[in-house]
Structure formats: C-alpha cells, structure tokens
Amino acid sequence: MKVTVITVTFNSAATIADCMQSVLDQTHPDIEYIVVDGQSNDNTIDIIHEFEPKFTNRLRWVSEKDNGIYDAMNKGLRMATGDVVGVLNSDDFFTTTNVVEQVAQAFSDSTLDAVYGDVHFVREPDLTHSVRHYSSAGFRPWWLRFGLMPAHPSFYARKEVFQKAGLYKTDYKIGGDFEMMVRLFKRFNIRAKYLNIDFVTMRTGGTSTKNMGSRLTLLREDTRACRENGIYTHPIFICLKYFYKVLEYRF
C-alpha cells in the first residue's frame, strides 16, 4: 500500500532537515513524499536538494507562490498518488521509524476510511522531553462542537475520501484543518479508527496558538466550521476546550 506524506514549507530551514530525515527513516517500503514550498528565501530549498537523491525517486516537490497553508496542502493532495494520505508539518517529525508502517497495516481493514492517534509537543532545545501529550484516544464526533478533534498530524485517510469530500477551504486562515475534520465526520460520516501510537513530535509555537490574536481567529473559525457543517455550537462552547487542554500539559 502506497502512503503519501505531504509537508508544506515556508522558510523552514531550521527544522525541515529533522522532518525529512524522519520520513527517510520510515520502515514502510512504499512511501511517496511530497514537499510543497511557498518560495522560501532561506536555505529550505538547499536542504530539500540535499535530501532529494536519498529518497531515490520517492520525493516530489515544488516551490512556488501559494495563497496560504491550506492552498499549499491542496497542491499536495492534487499531486498525491498514494492510497492513503497524511500531512507532516515542516516543524515536526515522526516519533518512531515505524509510524507509517503501522498506518498501512491498519488500512488492511478495507472498511476503514481513516485512522488517527496521538502526538506530543517538545520545546527547544530539548527535543526529547515532552511538555504536552495530545491524546486522541477519547475522541467522539460530538466533541467537535467544543472545538476538539483528533490530532491533525496523526490523521491519515484514503485518497478517495478527499476526492469525495473536497479540498481544504482556503478562506480559513488557521482553522481549515478543523473544518476538514468537521466535514469528514459530520457530513461524510467517515469510519475512522484510533491507533494507540504516538505519531508525531511537534515543536511548540504553532500558527494556531502563537498569540492571542491567533487564538481569537481560531475561535471564530472553529465556530464557523461547525455551523457550516450542521453542528450547533457557540463560541463559549469552543472556549471550553482550553480547560480540557490544560490536562495535556506536563508540569
């Protein structure tokens, strides 16, 4: 089974090598790796060039102007030829070498549309110490009204799921991944399975949580995503997720 991993980059020179190396180290033999760069002006492209021969024709990449992260993800989805597709952010890396192998094994169940699991967060310079564990174990679709979803970097779906449901909405700034989850679980009623594995190590400071302005934008977009897909919610409901997320931190 071919698994496509998509990485979106822009000026990611500080982290892209860790990301790409973790894909290269995966034990699954049939991986298509797609990198979509937004015309970086640092050394990102040089690093991609360095890794390209190591992937022996399994890496495809493009560097061109885009209209934001979700436009770039959509480019990757259009390029994907794998049976199953997932996204690995350029700041992140696979936690173990057999993540993709376990994903592929799970899809031997032909009734499954998608799988998801856990991720954990680290803070520079110590990338071995977890400061937050994001578990998707208890997720139920009704949680979406509270802005809670499976960890997006752990979400892998059959390509035909995206073909039926459509691409990421590019008029969302930072909540497009949540809108996609709401659409898939609510409108398309996908059959998804939780895998009890730690998929990805994520660096703290992502786009959706880097400042109060980002949090307010995410609040508005999460509320909108639910309403557009037929889930009743309210910004107050969405705010409740932050009380839940406090439990994820390692003090």
Protein backbone atom coordinates (compact mmCIF):
# COMPACT_ATOMS: atom_id res chain seq x y z
CA MET A 1 0.00 0.00 0.00
CA LYS A 2 1.39 3.36 -1.03
CA VAL A 3 1.22 6.07 1.64
CA THR A 4 1.66 9.71 0.65
CA VAL A 5 3.12 12.09 3.24
CA ILE A 6 2.73 15.81 2.47
CA THR A 7 4.91 18.52 4.01
CA VAL A 8 4.19 22.22 3.49
CA THR A 9 7.14 24.56 3.97
CA PHE A 10 7.98 28.24 4.04
CA ASN A 11 11.34 29.41 5.39
CA SER A 12 11.69 26.16 7.33
CA ALA A 13 15.48 25.81 7.16
CA ALA A 14 15.80 25.43 10.93
CA THR A 15 13.55 22.36 11.11
CA ILE A 16 12.98 20.81 7.68
CA ALA A 17 16.02 18.50 7.90
CA ASP A 18 14.63 16.79 11.02
CA CYS A 19 11.27 16.45 9.30
CA MET A 20 12.65 14.97 6.08
CA GLN A 21 15.06 12.65 7.89
CA SER A 22 12.18 11.21 9.90
CA VAL A 23 10.35 10.39 6.65
CA LEU A 24 13.51 8.88 5.17
CA ASP A 25 13.92 6.69 8.27
CA GLN A 26 10.44 5.14 8.00
CA THR A 27 10.46 1.36 7.61
CA HIS A 28 7.42 1.20 5.32
CA PRO A 29 8.78 0.47 1.82
CA ASP A 30 6.16 2.31 -0.24
CA ILE A 31 6.13 5.98 0.73
CA GLU A 32 5.56 8.89 -1.62
CA TYR A 33 6.89 12.10 -0.07
CA ILE A 34 5.58 15.41 -1.38
CA VAL A 35 7.03 18.76 -0.27
CA VAL A 36 5.18 21.93 -1.21
CA ASP A 37 7.31 25.03 -0.62
CA GLY A 38 5.98 28.57 -0.77
CA GLN A 39 9.08 30.10 -2.39
CA SER A 40 11.24 30.14 0.73
CA ASN A 41 14.02 32.72 0.79
CA ASP A 42 16.20 31.00 3.38
CA ASN A 43 18.08 27.70 2.93
CA THR A 44 15.00 25.47 2.79
CA ILE A 45 15.40 24.70 -0.92
CA ASP A 46 19.08 23.85 -0.47
CA ILE A 47 18.17 21.32 2.21
CA ILE A 48 15.48 19.77 0.01
CA HIS A 49 18.06 19.43 -2.77
CA GLU A 50 20.44 17.69 -0.34
CA PHE A 51 17.81 15.13 0.61
CA GLU A 52 16.41 14.54 -2.87
CA PRO A 53 18.86 11.81 -4.00
CA LYS A 54 18.44 9.96 -0.69
CA PHE A 55 14.77 9.35 -1.46
CA THR A 56 15.57 7.60 -4.78
CA ASN A 57 12.62 8.94 -6.78
CA ARG A 58 10.18 8.78 -3.87
CA LEU A 59 10.34 12.55 -3.30
CA ARG A 60 8.38 15.02 -5.39
CA TRP A 61 8.48 18.70 -4.59
CA VAL A 62 7.54 22.12 -5.88
CA SER A 63 8.46 25.65 -4.84
CA GLU A 64 6.06 28.35 -5.93
CA LYS A 65 3.91 31.12 -4.52
CA ASP A 66 0.77 29.98 -2.75
CA ASN A 67 -2.23 31.54 -1.05
CA GLY A 68 -1.58 30.22 2.43
CA ILE A 69 -1.06 26.90 4.18
CA TYR A 70 -4.31 25.31 3.03
CA ASP A 71 -3.72 26.23 -0.59
CA ALA A 72 -0.33 24.53 -0.25
CA MET A 73 -1.89 21.44 1.35
CA ASN A 74 -4.35 21.27 -1.53
CA LYS A 75 -1.48 21.31 -4.01
CA GLY A 76 -0.04 18.33 -2.17
CA LEU A 77 -3.37 16.50 -2.25
CA ARG A 78 -3.65 17.06 -6.00
CA MET A 79 -0.12 15.71 -6.50
CA ALA A 80 -0.67 12.67 -4.28
CA THR A 81 -0.83 9.25 -5.92
CA GLY A 82 -0.86 7.16 -2.74
CA ASP A 83 -3.72 5.02 -1.50
CA VAL A 84 -3.58 6.82 1.85
CA VAL A 85 -2.62 10.44 2.52
CA GLY A 86 -1.47 12.38 5.59
CA VAL A 87 0.29 15.63 6.47
CA LEU A 88 3.57 16.08 8.37
CA ASN A 89 4.25 19.72 9.25
CA SER A 90 7.70 21.09 8.48
CA ASP A 91 8.40 21.86 12.16
CA ASP A 92 7.55 18.31 13.20
CA PHE A 93 8.96 14.81 12.78
CA PHE A 94 7.78 11.23 13.13
CA THR A 95 8.28 9.98 16.68
CA THR A 96 9.36 6.47 15.67
CA THR A 97 10.54 4.81 12.47
CA ASN A 98 7.50 2.54 12.06
CA VAL A 99 4.65 5.06 12.20
CA VAL A 100 3.79 4.83 8.51
CA GLU A 101 4.14 1.05 8.59
CA GLN A 102 1.52 0.85 11.35
CA VAL A 103 -0.76 3.19 9.41
CA ALA A 104 -0.50 0.99 6.33
CA GLN A 105 -1.20 -2.14 8.36
CA ALA A 106 -4.34 -0.57 9.83
CA PHE A 107 -5.72 0.07 6.36
CA SER A 108 -5.68 -3.65 5.64
CA ASP A 109 -9.20 -3.31 7.06
CA SER A 110 -10.99 -2.33 3.86
CA THR A 111 -13.91 -0.83 5.79
CA LEU A 112 -11.75 1.93 7.30
CA ASP A 113 -11.77 5.41 5.81
CA ALA A 114 -9.22 6.98 8.17
CA VAL A 115 -7.01 6.48 11.21
CA TYR A 116 -5.68 8.85 13.84
CA GLY A 117 -3.65 8.71 17.05
CA ASP A 118 -1.57 10.76 19.47
CA VAL A 119 1.15 13.39 19.21
CA HIS A 120 3.35 15.10 21.75
CA PHE A 121 4.97 18.52 21.99
CA VAL A 122 8.55 19.47 22.80
CA ARG A 123 10.29 22.76 23.36
CA GLU A 124 13.70 23.74 22.00
CA PRO A 125 16.46 22.93 22.76
CA ASP A 126 15.43 19.64 24.42
CA LEU A 127 13.55 17.66 21.77
CA THR A 128 13.45 14.54 23.95
CA HIS A 129 11.39 15.99 26.81
CA SER A 130 7.63 16.04 26.28
CA VAL A 131 5.90 19.18 27.57
CA ARG A 132 2.42 18.23 26.34
CA HIS A 133 0.74 14.99 25.28
CA TYR A 134 -2.19 15.33 22.86
CA SER A 135 -4.15 12.10 23.06
CA SER A 136 -6.96 11.40 20.61
CA ALA A 137 -8.00 8.23 22.45
CA GLY A 138 -11.27 9.56 23.80
CA PHE A 139 -12.38 11.44 20.70
CA ARG A 140 -16.01 11.15 19.69
CA PRO A 141 -17.60 13.13 16.83
CA TRP A 142 -19.83 15.04 19.24
CA TRP A 143 -16.67 16.60 20.69
CA LEU A 144 -16.40 18.69 17.54
CA ARG A 145 -18.95 21.19 18.84
CA PHE A 146 -16.40 22.03 21.54
CA GLY A 147 -13.60 22.55 19.02
CA LEU A 148 -11.95 19.24 19.87
CA MET A 149 -10.69 16.96 17.12
CA PRO A 150 -8.16 14.18 16.55
CA ALA A 151 -4.60 15.47 16.28
CA HIS A 152 -4.38 16.60 12.65
CA PRO A 153 -0.75 15.44 12.13
CA SER A 154 -1.89 11.94 13.11
CA PHE A 155 -4.80 11.86 10.66
CA TYR A 156 -4.43 9.62 7.59
CA ALA A 157 -7.28 8.96 5.18
CA ARG A 158 -7.80 7.09 1.95
CA LYS A 159 -7.29 9.35 -1.03
CA GLU A 160 -10.84 8.73 -2.25
CA VAL A 161 -12.13 10.26 1.00
CA PHE A 162 -10.60 13.59 0.00
CA GLN A 163 -11.81 13.13 -3.57
CA LYS A 164 -15.38 12.81 -2.30
CA ALA A 165 -15.24 15.42 0.46
CA GLY A 166 -13.20 18.04 -1.37
CA LEU A 167 -10.09 20.01 -0.53
CA TYR A 168 -9.19 22.25 2.40
CA LYS A 169 -11.07 25.55 2.36
CA THR A 170 -8.58 28.29 1.56
CA ASP A 171 -10.65 31.10 3.07
CA TYR A 172 -9.77 29.76 6.52
CA LYS A 173 -6.54 31.22 7.92
CA ILE A 174 -5.70 28.67 10.64
CA GLY A 175 -8.86 26.62 11.20
CA GLY A 176 -9.00 24.81 7.88
CA ASP A 177 -7.81 21.52 9.34
CA PHE A 178 -10.61 21.63 11.92
CA GLU A 179 -13.15 22.43 9.22
CA MET A 180 -11.93 19.43 7.25
CA MET A 181 -12.38 17.19 10.29
CA VAL A 182 -15.90 18.50 10.91
CA ARG A 183 -16.80 17.99 7.27
CA LEU A 184 -15.47 14.44 7.17
CA PHE A 185 -17.00 13.26 10.44
CA LYS A 186 -20.31 15.14 10.26
CA ARG A 187 -21.23 15.43 6.59
CA PHE A 188 -19.48 12.36 5.20
CA ASN A 189 -19.75 10.18 8.31
CA ILE A 190 -16.35 8.58 7.78
CA ARG A 191 -15.40 5.40 9.60
CA ALA A 192 -12.19 6.18 11.49
CA LYS A 193 -10.13 4.17 13.97
CA TYR A 194 -7.91 5.34 16.80
CA LEU A 195 -4.40 3.85 16.81
CA ASN A 196 -2.70 3.81 20.19
CA ILE A 197 0.62 5.13 18.94
CA ASP A 198 2.49 8.42 19.17
CA PHE A 199 2.63 9.57 15.56
CA VAL A 200 4.49 12.86 15.63
CA THR A 201 6.78 15.01 17.77
CA MET A 202 5.70 18.64 17.42
CA ARG A 203 7.61 21.75 18.36
CA THR A 204 5.67 24.28 20.43
CA GLY A 205 4.67 27.58 18.88
CA GLY A 206 2.41 26.51 16.03
CA THR A 207 0.40 29.00 13.98
CA SER A 208 -2.88 28.43 15.80
CA THR A 209 -1.51 29.03 19.31
CA LYS A 210 1.34 31.51 18.96
CA ASN A 211 -0.54 34.57 20.29
CA MET A 212 -3.91 35.83 21.48
CA GLY A 213 -4.81 37.11 18.01
CA SER A 214 -4.33 33.61 16.60
CA ARG A 215 -6.50 32.13 19.33
CA LEU A 216 -9.31 34.59 18.59
CA THR A 217 -9.09 33.84 14.88
CA LEU A 218 -9.22 30.12 15.64
CA LEU A 219 -12.22 30.63 17.92
CA ARG A 220 -14.14 32.37 15.14
CA GLU A 221 -13.13 29.83 12.53
CA ASP A 222 -13.92 26.81 14.71
CA THR A 223 -17.39 28.23 15.37
CA ARG A 224 -17.90 28.89 11.69
CA ALA A 225 -16.70 25.40 10.71
CA CYS A 226 -19.27 23.76 12.96
CA ARG A 227 -22.12 25.95 11.77
CA GLU A 228 -21.26 25.49 8.08
CA ASN A 229 -21.39 21.73 8.55
CA GLY A 230 -24.60 21.50 10.54
CA ILE A 231 -23.25 21.32 14.10
CA TYR A 232 -24.80 23.69 16.61
CA THR A 233 -22.20 25.40 18.76
CA HIS A 234 -21.35 28.73 20.35
CA PRO A 235 -18.01 30.49 20.99
CA ILE A 236 -18.48 29.77 24.69
CA PHE A 237 -18.65 26.04 23.93
CA ILE A 238 -15.46 26.29 21.87
CA CYS A 239 -13.66 28.10 24.72
CA LEU A 240 -14.30 25.13 27.00
CA LYS A 241 -11.70 23.12 25.10
CA TYR A 242 -8.91 25.16 26.69
CA PHE A 243 -9.84 23.82 30.13
CA TYR A 244 -9.58 20.31 28.71
CA LYS A 245 -6.26 21.02 27.03
CA VAL A 246 -4.67 22.13 30.31
CA LEU A 247 -4.76 18.45 31.29
CA GLU A 248 -2.45 17.64 28.37
CA TYR A 249 0.49 19.61 29.76
CA ARG A 250 3.37 18.02 31.63
CA PHE A 251 4.33 20.22 34.56
